[in-house]
Amino acid sequence: MVKHYDTSVELCGVKLDNPVVPASGTFGFGQEFAEFYDINCLGAISIKGTTREARFGNPTPRIAECKAGLINAVGLQNPGIDRVIAEELPRLREIYHKPIVANISGFSFEEFEECCAKIDKEDQVEIIEVNVSCPNVHKGGVNFGTQPESAAEVTRRVKAVTTKPVFIKLSPNVTDVVSIARACEDAGADGICLINTLFGMRIDTVRRKPVIANKMGGFSGDAIFPVALRMVYQVANACQIPVMGCGGVSSASDVIEMMMAGATAVQVGAANLRNPYASKEIIEALPAEMERLGIERLRDIIGIVK
């Protein structure tokens, strides 16, 4: 008799067959990866970050390789909220029948409100993920997510115009991520997603210039996993709302480690860019890793490390 290992988890009432979620910006709108395998094996999908207006993104080159990761400065390239609703979501729903997480970005409080209000009306979307790592153009370009007050204000405004669970995605480029997470929780957030990318840079020593046109960008990949794990642990122990862990996850072992630190679901980012089968392979490897560690139900290990 083959033993059954239960990989299911629940996020604010949304049931996931497994905790593995491709991270926003690393999986497009799902179509590209559906050419490689049946994406319905995924726990959920966090779609490409969406803004009010269409964005072409930053100038190229946008990518720099690193020893244990990569730096990107794509610049939130996307077709805009109206086209995402009219075209991308229906197209994804035709081939994908599991929960969809809509990632929303904005450059003003009003943009966050407008985009979240629109996406909240879409039946295809189960969870709204709000990326507060964007610069507030009305406050000198300071990122919304670097201060508890502004992160909380985004949360309050978004919650006032939505009915679905709202997860706030936080930046690691702060001195005290716990105070920001708590501020979001107090403002009504249903969950926290962390971490977004660290800041990084590479220099072309022959050309004596930065490798990417934007000079600096978001550093992701295996190298940031310990930082992400530490922040997930801190926030999960400080807040009562669920956490989605993200940052450097590239194996089933990483997923379990993140969950032991307190994550209910785990996002896979840069690994998808290196290997399009990464999320599928992690999901397939979970039962064997659970057997090795004597885990029958993944939800039993959430936050088990104190």
C-alpha atoms as a PDB file:
ATOM      1  CA  MET A   1       0.000   0.000   0.000  1.00  0.00           C
ATOM      2  CA  VAL A   2       1.410   3.386  -1.069  1.00  0.00           C
ATOM      3  CA  LYS A   3       1.350   5.919   1.723  1.00  0.00           C
ATOM      4  CA  HIS A   4      -0.420   9.204   0.967  1.00  0.00           C
ATOM      5  CA  TYR A   5       1.367  12.431   1.765  1.00  0.00           C
ATOM      6  CA  ASP A   6      -0.959  15.425   2.100  1.00  0.00           C
ATOM      7  CA  THR A   7       0.591  18.513   0.505  1.00  0.00           C
ATOM      8  CA  SER A   8      -2.547  20.687   0.692  1.00  0.00           C
ATOM      9  CA  VAL A   9      -2.655  24.029   2.497  1.00  0.00           C
ATOM     10  CA  GLU A  10      -5.190  26.829   2.929  1.00  0.00           C
ATOM     11  CA  LEU A  11      -4.658  30.569   2.492  1.00  0.00           C
ATOM     12  CA  CYS A  12      -7.462  32.709   3.919  1.00  0.00           C
ATOM     13  CA  GLY A  13     -10.065  30.153   2.890  1.00  0.00           C
ATOM     14  CA  VAL A  14      -8.478  29.494  -0.502  1.00  0.00           C
ATOM     15  CA  LYS A  15      -7.474  25.838  -0.815  1.00  0.00           C
ATOM     16  CA  LEU A  16      -4.211  24.933  -2.558  1.00  0.00           C
ATOM     17  CA  ASP A  17      -3.386  21.335  -3.511  1.00  0.00           C
ATOM     18  CA  ASN A  18       0.218  22.128  -2.632  1.00  0.00           C
ATOM     19  CA  PRO A  19       2.049  25.219  -1.319  1.00  0.00           C
ATOM     20  CA  VAL A  20       4.126  25.902  -4.461  1.00  0.00           C
ATOM     21  CA  VAL A  21       3.307  29.190  -6.222  1.00  0.00           C
ATOM     22  CA  PRO A  22       5.374  30.621  -9.098  1.00  0.00           C
ATOM     23  CA  ALA A  23       6.291  34.161  -8.067  1.00  0.00           C
ATOM     24  CA  SER A  24       5.055  37.209  -9.921  1.00  0.00           C
ATOM     25  CA  GLY A  25       7.374  38.341 -12.680  1.00  0.00           C
ATOM     26  CA  THR A  26       8.940  34.908 -13.134  1.00  0.00           C
ATOM     27  CA  PHE A  27       6.019  33.084 -14.751  1.00  0.00           C
ATOM     28  CA  GLY A  28       4.476  35.665 -17.086  1.00  0.00           C
ATOM     29  CA  PHE A  29       0.743  35.091 -17.362  1.00  0.00           C
ATOM     30  CA  GLY A  30       1.185  31.318 -17.407  1.00  0.00           C
ATOM     31  CA  GLN A  31       0.913  30.849 -21.168  1.00  0.00           C
ATOM     32  CA  GLU A  32       4.652  30.568 -21.726  1.00  0.00           C
ATOM     33  CA  PHE A  33       5.078  27.737 -19.218  1.00  0.00           C
ATOM     34  CA  ALA A  34       1.975  25.860 -20.363  1.00  0.00           C
ATOM     35  CA  GLU A  35       3.986  24.984 -23.457  1.00  0.00           C
ATOM     36  CA  PHE A  36       6.346  22.938 -21.253  1.00  0.00           C
ATOM     37  CA  TYR A  37       3.948  21.091 -18.913  1.00  0.00           C
ATOM     38  CA  ASP A  38       0.422  20.990 -17.480  1.00  0.00           C
ATOM     39  CA  ILE A  39       0.516  23.972 -15.129  1.00  0.00           C
ATOM     40  CA  ASN A  40      -2.490  22.655 -13.212  1.00  0.00           C
ATOM     41  CA  CYS A  41      -0.011  20.802 -11.012  1.00  0.00           C
ATOM     42  CA  LEU A  42       0.785  24.150  -9.352  1.00  0.00           C
ATOM     43  CA  GLY A  43      -0.733  25.181  -6.038  1.00  0.00           C
ATOM     44  CA  ALA A  44      -1.518  28.634  -7.431  1.00  0.00           C
ATOM     45  CA  ILE A  45       0.001  31.161  -9.842  1.00  0.00           C
ATOM     46  CA  SER A  46       0.983  34.751  -9.051  1.00  0.00           C
ATOM     47  CA  ILE A  47       0.673  36.545 -12.369  1.00  0.00           C
ATOM     48  CA  LYS A  48       2.923  39.276 -13.733  1.00  0.00           C
ATOM     49  CA  GLY A  49       2.889  42.552 -11.792  1.00  0.00           C
ATOM     50  CA  THR A  50       0.156  44.819 -13.147  1.00  0.00           C
ATOM     51  CA  THR A  51      -0.122  48.615 -13.127  1.00  0.00           C
ATOM     52  CA  ARG A  52      -2.852  51.028 -14.226  1.00  0.00           C
ATOM     53  CA  GLU A  53      -1.172  51.988 -17.492  1.00  0.00           C
ATOM     54  CA  ALA A  54       0.744  49.736 -19.854  1.00  0.00           C
ATOM     55  CA  ARG A  55       4.489  49.859 -19.170  1.00  0.00           C
ATOM     56  CA  PHE A  56       7.294  49.090 -21.584  1.00  0.00           C
ATOM     57  CA  GLY A  57       9.717  48.735 -18.695  1.00  0.00           C
ATOM     58  CA  ASN A  58      13.349  49.763 -18.302  1.00  0.00           C
ATOM     59  CA  PRO A  59      15.892  50.054 -21.114  1.00  0.00           C
ATOM     60  CA  THR A  60      18.029  47.024 -21.949  1.00  0.00           C
ATOM     61  CA  PRO A  61      20.183  45.272 -20.901  1.00  0.00           C
ATOM     62  CA  ARG A  62      17.986  44.335 -17.942  1.00  0.00           C
ATOM     63  CA  ILE A  63      19.606  41.144 -16.659  1.00  0.00           C
ATOM     64  CA  ALA A  64      22.984  40.496 -15.026  1.00  0.00           C
ATOM     65  CA  GLU A  65      24.169  37.044 -13.984  1.00  0.00           C
ATOM     66  CA  CYS A  66      25.658  36.427 -10.530  1.00  0.00           C
ATOM     67  CA  LYS A  67      27.393  33.472  -8.871  1.00  0.00           C
ATOM     68  CA  ALA A  68      24.290  32.297  -7.050  1.00  0.00           C
ATOM     69  CA  GLY A  69      21.466  34.245  -8.638  1.00  0.00           C
ATOM     70  CA  LEU A  70      20.714  37.092 -10.992  1.00  0.00           C
ATOM     71  CA  ILE A  71      19.966  40.798 -11.032  1.00  0.00           C
ATOM     72  CA  ASN A  72      16.995  42.095 -12.981  1.00  0.00           C
ATOM     73  CA  ALA A  73      15.662  45.563 -13.704  1.00  0.00           C
ATOM     74  CA  VAL A  74      12.707  44.755 -15.951  1.00  0.00           C
ATOM     75  CA  GLY A  75      10.701  47.714 -14.673  1.00  0.00           C
ATOM     76  CA  LEU A  76       7.236  46.170 -14.298  1.00  0.00           C
ATOM     77  CA  GLN A  77       6.695  45.689 -18.027  1.00  0.00           C
ATOM     78  CA  ASN A  78       3.001  44.800 -18.451  1.00  0.00           C
ATOM     79  CA  PRO A  79       0.014  45.569 -20.714  1.00  0.00           C
ATOM     80  CA  GLY A  80      -1.927  47.501 -18.040  1.00  0.00           C
ATOM     81  CA  ILE A  81      -4.836  46.482 -15.802  1.00  0.00           C
ATOM     82  CA  ASP A  82      -7.597  46.729 -18.420  1.00  0.00           C
ATOM     83  CA  ARG A  83      -5.850  44.451 -20.917  1.00  0.00           C
ATOM     84  CA  VAL A  84      -4.872  42.010 -18.176  1.00  0.00           C
ATOM     85  CA  ILE A  85      -8.561  41.742 -17.236  1.00  0.00           C
ATOM     86  CA  ALA A  86      -9.844  41.624 -20.821  1.00  0.00           C
ATOM     87  CA  GLU A  87      -7.206  39.331 -22.327  1.00  0.00           C
ATOM     88  CA  GLU A  88      -4.658  37.731 -20.008  1.00  0.00           C
ATOM     89  CA  LEU A  89      -6.941  36.430 -17.232  1.00  0.00           C
ATOM     90  CA  PRO A  90      -9.482  34.769 -19.571  1.00  0.00           C
ATOM     91  CA  ARG A  91      -6.633  33.261 -21.602  1.00  0.00           C
ATOM     92  CA  LEU A  92      -5.012  31.848 -18.469  1.00  0.00           C
ATOM     93  CA  ARG A  93      -8.304  30.543 -17.097  1.00  0.00           C
ATOM     94  CA  GLU A  94      -8.867  28.539 -20.280  1.00  0.00           C
ATOM     95  CA  ILE A  95      -5.852  26.368 -19.480  1.00  0.00           C
ATOM     96  CA  TYR A  96      -5.468  26.758 -15.700  1.00  0.00           C
ATOM     97  CA  HIS A  97      -8.134  25.802 -13.167  1.00  0.00           C
ATOM     98  CA  LYS A  98      -6.445  26.420  -9.826  1.00  0.00           C
ATOM     99  CA  PRO A  99      -6.236  29.635  -7.733  1.00  0.00           C
ATOM    100  CA  ILE A 100      -4.868  32.775  -9.392  1.00  0.00           C
ATOM    101  CA  VAL A 101      -3.061  35.453  -7.391  1.00  0.00           C
ATOM    102  CA  ALA A 102      -3.160  38.893  -9.037  1.00  0.00           C
ATOM    103  CA  ASN A 103      -0.062  40.984  -8.322  1.00  0.00           C
ATOM    104  CA  ILE A 104      -0.804  44.712  -8.296  1.00  0.00           C
ATOM    105  CA  SER A 105       1.765  47.520  -8.330  1.00  0.00           C
ATOM    106  CA  GLY A 106       1.236  51.271  -8.181  1.00  0.00           C
ATOM    107  CA  PHE A 107       3.030  54.588  -8.060  1.00  0.00           C
ATOM    108  CA  SER A 108       0.371  56.415  -6.035  1.00  0.00           C
ATOM    109  CA  PHE A 109      -2.247  55.495  -3.437  1.00  0.00           C
ATOM    110  CA  GLU A 110      -4.929  56.193  -6.035  1.00  0.00           C
ATOM    111  CA  GLU A 111      -3.362  53.779  -8.533  1.00  0.00           C
ATOM    112  CA  PHE A 112      -3.297  50.978  -5.969  1.00  0.00           C
ATOM    113  CA  GLU A 113      -6.950  51.656  -5.136  1.00  0.00           C
ATOM    114  CA  GLU A 114      -8.100  51.760  -8.756  1.00  0.00           C
ATOM    115  CA  CYS A 115      -6.255  48.623  -9.853  1.00  0.00           C
ATOM    116  CA  CYS A 116      -7.254  46.582  -6.814  1.00  0.00           C
ATOM    117  CA  ALA A 117     -10.908  47.646  -7.099  1.00  0.00           C
ATOM    118  CA  LYS A 118     -10.933  46.504 -10.725  1.00  0.00           C
ATOM    119  CA  ILE A 119      -9.190  43.174 -10.168  1.00  0.00           C
ATOM    120  CA  ASP A 120     -11.393  42.429  -7.138  1.00  0.00           C
ATOM    121  CA  LYS A 121     -14.409  42.190  -9.452  1.00  0.00           C
ATOM    122  CA  GLU A 122     -12.826  39.395 -11.505  1.00  0.00           C
ATOM    123  CA  ASP A 123     -14.087  35.903 -10.695  1.00  0.00           C
ATOM    124  CA  GLN A 124     -10.863  34.376 -12.034  1.00  0.00           C
ATOM    125  CA  VAL A 125      -8.828  35.950  -9.202  1.00  0.00           C
ATOM    126  CA  GLU A 126      -8.859  34.413  -5.705  1.00  0.00           C
ATOM    127  CA  ILE A 127      -6.162  36.452  -3.946  1.00  0.00           C
ATOM    128  CA  ILE A 128      -4.785  39.960  -4.477  1.00  0.00           C
ATOM    129  CA  GLU A 129      -1.065  40.455  -3.870  1.00  0.00           C
ATOM    130  CA  VAL A 130      -0.068  44.096  -3.460  1.00  0.00           C
ATOM    131  CA  ASN A 131       3.534  44.952  -4.259  1.00  0.00           C
ATOM    132  CA  VAL A 132       4.497  47.946  -2.094  1.00  0.00           C
ATOM    133  CA  SER A 133       8.095  47.980  -3.371  1.00  0.00           C
ATOM    134  CA  CYS A 134       7.218  50.705  -5.876  1.00  0.00           C
ATOM    135  CA  PRO A 135       8.320  54.355  -5.563  1.00  0.00           C
ATOM    136  CA  ASN A 136       5.676  56.850  -4.424  1.00  0.00           C
ATOM    137  CA  VAL A 137       5.953  59.499  -7.142  1.00  0.00           C
ATOM    138  CA  HIS A 138       4.186  62.045  -4.916  1.00  0.00           C
ATOM    139  CA  LYS A 139       6.653  61.610  -2.055  1.00  0.00           C
ATOM    140  CA  GLY A 140      10.005  62.020  -3.751  1.00  0.00           C
ATOM    141  CA  GLY A 141      10.189  58.450  -5.015  1.00  0.00           C
ATOM    142  CA  VAL A 142      10.411  56.764  -1.604  1.00  0.00           C
ATOM    143  CA  ASN A 143       9.121  53.194  -1.816  1.00  0.00           C
ATOM    144  CA  PHE A 144       5.732  52.603  -0.175  1.00  0.00           C
ATOM    145  CA  GLY A 145       7.044  49.483   1.522  1.00  0.00           C
ATOM    146  CA  THR A 146      10.027  51.036   3.289  1.00  0.00           C
ATOM    147  CA  GLN A 147       7.968  52.851   5.947  1.00  0.00           C
ATOM    148  CA  PRO A 148       5.247  51.405   8.201  1.00  0.00           C
ATOM    149  CA  GLU A 149       2.998  54.435   7.697  1.00  0.00           C
ATOM    150  CA  SER A 150       2.930  54.332   3.902  1.00  0.00           C
ATOM    151  CA  ALA A 151       2.661  50.531   3.736  1.00  0.00           C
ATOM    152  CA  ALA A 152      -0.262  50.699   6.167  1.00  0.00           C
ATOM    153  CA  GLU A 153      -1.932  53.464   4.149  1.00  0.00           C
ATOM    154  CA  VAL A 154      -1.756  51.374   0.971  1.00  0.00           C
ATOM    155  CA  THR A 155      -3.221  48.444   2.903  1.00  0.00           C
ATOM    156  CA  ARG A 156      -6.088  50.505   4.348  1.00  0.00           C
ATOM    157  CA  ARG A 157      -7.005  51.985   0.992  1.00  0.00           C
ATOM    158  CA  VAL A 158      -6.888  48.673  -0.833  1.00  0.00           C
ATOM    159  CA  LYS A 159      -8.922  46.854   1.820  1.00  0.00           C
ATOM    160  CA  ALA A 160     -11.584  49.576   1.601  1.00  0.00           C
ATOM    161  CA  VAL A 161     -12.262  48.755  -2.068  1.00  0.00           C
ATOM    162  CA  THR A 162     -11.828  44.955  -2.097  1.00  0.00           C
ATOM    163  CA  THR A 163     -13.606  41.854  -0.840  1.00  0.00           C
ATOM    164  CA  LYS A 164     -10.941  39.222  -1.564  1.00  0.00           C
ATOM    165  CA  PRO A 165      -7.950  38.291   0.609  1.00  0.00           C
ATOM    166  CA  VAL A 166      -5.173  40.887   0.307  1.00  0.00           C
ATOM    167  CA  PHE A 167      -1.528  39.907   0.793  1.00  0.00           C
ATOM    168  CA  ILE A 168       1.017  42.719   1.045  1.00  0.00           C
ATOM    169  CA  LYS A 169       4.354  41.885  -0.593  1.00  0.00           C
ATOM    170  CA  LEU A 170       7.190  43.484   1.360  1.00  0.00           C
ATOM    171  CA  SER A 171      10.675  44.607   0.418  1.00  0.00           C
ATOM    172  CA  PRO A 172      13.697  43.247   2.320  1.00  0.00           C
ATOM    173  CA  ASN A 173      15.557  46.530   1.778  1.00  0.00           C
ATOM    174  CA  VAL A 174      14.541  47.901   5.179  1.00  0.00           C
ATOM    175  CA  THR A 175      15.971  47.973   8.679  1.00  0.00           C
ATOM    176  CA  ASP A 176      12.906  46.511  10.445  1.00  0.00           C
ATOM    177  CA  VAL A 177      10.601  44.369   8.315  1.00  0.00           C
ATOM    178  CA  VAL A 178       8.597  43.274  11.368  1.00  0.00           C
ATOM    179  CA  SER A 179       7.350  46.792  12.164  1.00  0.00           C
ATOM    180  CA  ILE A 180       6.176  47.184   8.547  1.00  0.00           C
ATOM    181  CA  ALA A 181       4.449  43.786   8.546  1.00  0.00           C
ATOM    182  CA  ARG A 182       2.693  44.589  11.819  1.00  0.00           C
ATOM    183  CA  ALA A 183       1.556  47.950  10.472  1.00  0.00           C
ATOM    184  CA  CYS A 184       0.036  46.189   7.450  1.00  0.00           C
ATOM    185  CA  GLU A 185      -1.650  43.630   9.695  1.00  0.00           C
ATOM    186  CA  ASP A 186      -3.102  46.386  11.875  1.00  0.00           C
ATOM    187  CA  ALA A 187      -4.362  48.143   8.729  1.00  0.00           C
ATOM    188  CA  GLY A 188      -6.332  45.049   7.718  1.00  0.00           C
ATOM    189  CA  ALA A 189      -4.002  42.940   5.567  1.00  0.00           C
ATOM    190  CA  ASP A 190      -5.128  39.331   5.295  1.00  0.00           C
ATOM    191  CA  GLY A 191      -1.586  38.073   4.735  1.00  0.00           C
ATOM    192  CA  ILE A 192       2.027  39.031   4.080  1.00  0.00           C
ATOM    193  CA  CYS A 193       4.255  37.941   1.205  1.00  0.00           C
ATOM    194  CA  LEU A 194       8.005  38.274   1.624  1.00  0.00           C
ATOM    195  CA  ILE A 195      10.589  38.853   0.455  1.00  0.00           C
ATOM    196  CA  ASN A 196      10.843  40.835  -2.736  1.00  0.00           C
ATOM    197  CA  THR A 197      14.307  41.191  -4.281  1.00  0.00           C
ATOM    198  CA  LEU A 198      17.369  42.663  -2.602  1.00  0.00           C
ATOM    199  CA  PHE A 199      19.300  45.488  -4.302  1.00  0.00           C
ATOM    200  CA  GLY A 200      22.287  44.386  -6.363  1.00  0.00           C
ATOM    201  CA  MET A 201      24.745  45.538  -8.992  1.00  0.00           C
ATOM    202  CA  ARG A 202      27.337  44.130 -11.401  1.00  0.00           C
ATOM    203  CA  ILE A 203      30.083  45.993 -13.276  1.00  0.00           C
ATOM    204  CA  ASP A 204      31.505  45.051 -16.659  1.00  0.00           C
ATOM    205  CA  THR A 205      35.207  45.454 -15.884  1.00  0.00           C
ATOM    206  CA  VAL A 206      36.183  45.553 -19.559  1.00  0.00           C
ATOM    207  CA  ARG A 207      33.699  48.271 -20.494  1.00  0.00           C
ATOM    208  CA  ARG A 208      34.072  49.904 -17.043  1.00  0.00           C
ATOM    209  CA  LYS A 209      30.309  50.352 -16.855  1.00  0.00           C
ATOM    210  CA  PRO A 210      27.394  48.749 -15.000  1.00  0.00           C
ATOM    211  CA  VAL A 211      26.175  45.573 -16.690  1.00  0.00           C
ATOM    212  CA  ILE A 212      22.519  46.643 -16.709  1.00  0.00           C
ATOM    213  CA  ALA A 213      21.268  49.929 -18.120  1.00  0.00           C
ATOM    214  CA  ASN A 214      19.504  50.785 -14.859  1.00  0.00           C
ATOM    215  CA  LYS A 215      22.843  50.365 -12.985  1.00  0.00           C
ATOM    216  CA  MET A 216      21.162  48.581 -10.065  1.00  0.00           C
ATOM    217  CA  GLY A 217      18.397  46.010  -9.933  1.00  0.00           C
ATOM    218  CA  GLY A 218      16.666  43.329  -7.939  1.00  0.00           C
ATOM    219  CA  PHE A 219      18.969  40.530  -6.763  1.00  0.00           C
ATOM    220  CA  SER A 220      17.285  37.122  -6.553  1.00  0.00           C
ATOM    221  CA  GLY A 221      18.215  33.445  -6.601  1.00  0.00           C
ATOM    222  CA  ASP A 222      19.714  30.869  -4.235  1.00  0.00           C
ATOM    223  CA  ALA A 223      21.987  33.400  -2.518  1.00  0.00           C
ATOM    224  CA  ILE A 224      19.110  35.292  -0.899  1.00  0.00           C
ATOM    225  CA  PHE A 225      17.380  32.241   0.626  1.00  0.00           C
ATOM    226  CA  PRO A 226      18.838  32.646   4.161  1.00  0.00           C
ATOM    227  CA  VAL A 227      17.770  36.300   4.231  1.00  0.00           C
ATOM    228  CA  ALA A 228      14.265  35.422   3.066  1.00  0.00           C
ATOM    229  CA  LEU A 229      13.998  32.559   5.562  1.00  0.00           C
ATOM    230  CA  ARG A 230      15.057  34.833   8.423  1.00  0.00           C
ATOM    231  CA  MET A 231      12.459  37.473   7.520  1.00  0.00           C
ATOM    232  CA  VAL A 232       9.687  34.895   7.072  1.00  0.00           C
ATOM    233  CA  TYR A 233      10.523  33.493  10.514  1.00  0.00           C
ATOM    234  CA  GLN A 234      10.506  36.952  12.115  1.00  0.00           C
ATOM    235  CA  VAL A 235       7.227  38.070  10.551  1.00  0.00           C
ATOM    236  CA  ALA A 236       5.406  34.765  11.049  1.00  0.00           C
ATOM    237  CA  ASN A 237       6.239  34.894  14.755  1.00  0.00           C
ATOM    238  CA  ALA A 238       5.258  38.557  15.095  1.00  0.00           C
ATOM    239  CA  CYS A 239       1.972  38.485  13.151  1.00  0.00           C
ATOM    240  CA  GLN A 240      -1.218  36.431  13.340  1.00  0.00           C
ATOM    241  CA  ILE A 241      -1.919  36.467   9.593  1.00  0.00           C
ATOM    242  CA  PRO A 242      -0.533  33.912   7.096  1.00  0.00           C
ATOM    243  CA  VAL A 243       2.756  34.400   5.288  1.00  0.00           C
ATOM    244  CA  MET A 244       3.776  33.448   1.764  1.00  0.00           C
ATOM    245  CA  GLY A 245       7.529  32.887   1.737  1.00  0.00           C
ATOM    246  CA  CYS A 246       9.583  33.877  -1.278  1.00  0.00           C
ATOM    247  CA  GLY A 247      13.252  34.313  -2.086  1.00  0.00           C
ATOM    248  CA  GLY A 248      15.838  31.832  -3.338  1.00  0.00           C
ATOM    249  CA  VAL A 249      13.556  28.786  -3.195  1.00  0.00           C
ATOM    250  CA  SER A 250      14.761  26.131  -5.636  1.00  0.00           C
ATOM    251  CA  SER A 251      14.043  22.724  -4.059  1.00  0.00           C
ATOM    252  CA  ALA A 252      11.472  20.729  -2.107  1.00  0.00           C
ATOM    253  CA  SER A 253      13.792  20.974   0.897  1.00  0.00           C
ATOM    254  CA  ASP A 254      13.695  24.788   0.632  1.00  0.00           C
ATOM    255  CA  VAL A 255       9.878  24.696   0.598  1.00  0.00           C
ATOM    256  CA  ILE A 256       9.762  22.626   3.774  1.00  0.00           C
ATOM    257  CA  GLU A 257      12.344  24.848   5.462  1.00  0.00           C
ATOM    258  CA  MET A 258      10.267  27.933   4.591  1.00  0.00           C
ATOM    259  CA  MET A 259       7.137  26.302   5.982  1.00  0.00           C
ATOM    260  CA  MET A 260       8.886  25.298   9.200  1.00  0.00           C
ATOM    261  CA  ALA A 261       9.885  28.953   9.546  1.00  0.00           C
ATOM    262  CA  GLY A 262       6.216  29.939   9.310  1.00  0.00           C
ATOM    263  CA  ALA A 263       5.205  30.153   5.643  1.00  0.00           C
ATOM    264  CA  THR A 264       1.826  28.708   4.684  1.00  0.00           C
ATOM    265  CA  ALA A 265       2.649  28.838   0.953  1.00  0.00           C
ATOM    266  CA  VAL A 266       5.979  29.238  -0.810  1.00  0.00           C
ATOM    267  CA  GLN A 267       6.703  31.146  -3.985  1.00  0.00           C
ATOM    268  CA  VAL A 268       9.330  30.042  -6.497  1.00  0.00           C
ATOM    269  CA  GLY A 269      10.942  32.901  -8.421  1.00  0.00           C
ATOM    270  CA  ALA A 270      14.341  33.002 -10.116  1.00  0.00           C
ATOM    271  CA  ALA A 271      14.463  29.192 -10.326  1.00  0.00           C
ATOM    272  CA  ASN A 272      11.714  29.363 -12.986  1.00  0.00           C
ATOM    273  CA  LEU A 273      13.907  31.573 -15.144  1.00  0.00           C
ATOM    274  CA  ARG A 274      16.834  29.173 -14.936  1.00  0.00           C
ATOM    275  CA  ASN A 275      14.754  26.030 -15.391  1.00  0.00           C
ATOM    276  CA  PRO A 276      11.179  26.288 -16.739  1.00  0.00           C
ATOM    277  CA  TYR A 277      10.343  22.957 -15.058  1.00  0.00           C
ATOM    278  CA  ALA A 278      11.524  24.124 -11.612  1.00  0.00           C
ATOM    279  CA  SER A 279       8.116  24.502  -9.933  1.00  0.00           C
ATOM    280  CA  LYS A 280       6.868  21.195 -11.362  1.00  0.00           C
ATOM    281  CA  GLU A 281       9.992  19.357 -10.227  1.00  0.00           C
ATOM    282  CA  ILE A 282       9.743  20.822  -6.721  1.00  0.00           C
ATOM    283  CA  ILE A 283       6.113  19.689  -6.410  1.00  0.00           C
ATOM    284  CA  GLU A 284       6.987  16.197  -7.640  1.00  0.00           C
ATOM    285  CA  ALA A 285       9.842  15.976  -5.127  1.00  0.00           C
ATOM    286  CA  LEU A 286       7.751  17.017  -2.103  1.00  0.00           C
ATOM    287  CA  PRO A 287       6.302  13.569  -1.172  1.00  0.00           C
ATOM    288  CA  ALA A 288       9.749  11.945  -1.105  1.00  0.00           C
ATOM    289  CA  GLU A 289      11.108  14.776   1.037  1.00  0.00           C
ATOM    290  CA  MET A 290       8.109  14.448   3.360  1.00  0.00           C
ATOM    291  CA  GLU A 291       8.744  10.703   3.638  1.00  0.00           C
ATOM    292  CA  ARG A 292      12.410  11.308   4.420  1.00  0.00           C
ATOM    293  CA  LEU A 293      11.489  13.724   7.220  1.00  0.00           C
ATOM    294  CA  GLY A 294       8.503  11.775   8.563  1.00  0.00           C
ATOM    295  CA  ILE A 295       5.938  14.412   7.579  1.00  0.00           C
ATOM    296  CA  GLU A 296       2.451  13.175   6.638  1.00  0.00           C
ATOM    297  CA  ARG A 297       0.718  16.554   6.242  1.00  0.00           C
ATOM    298  CA  LEU A 298       2.585  19.681   5.202  1.00  0.00           C
ATOM    299  CA  ARG A 299       0.196  21.979   7.061  1.00  0.00           C
ATOM    300  CA  ASP A 300       1.301  20.363  10.333  1.00  0.00           C
ATOM    301  CA  ILE A 301       4.815  21.822  10.022  1.00  0.00           C
ATOM    302  CA  ILE A 302       3.825  25.477   9.391  1.00  0.00           C
ATOM    303  CA  GLY A 303       5.707  27.554  11.955  1.00  0.00           C
ATOM    304  CA  ILE A 304       6.904  24.470  13.847  1.00  0.00           C
ATOM    305  CA  VAL A 305      10.289  26.064  14.535  1.00  0.00           C
ATOM    306  CA  LYS A 306      10.080  28.533  17.416  1.00  0.00           C
END
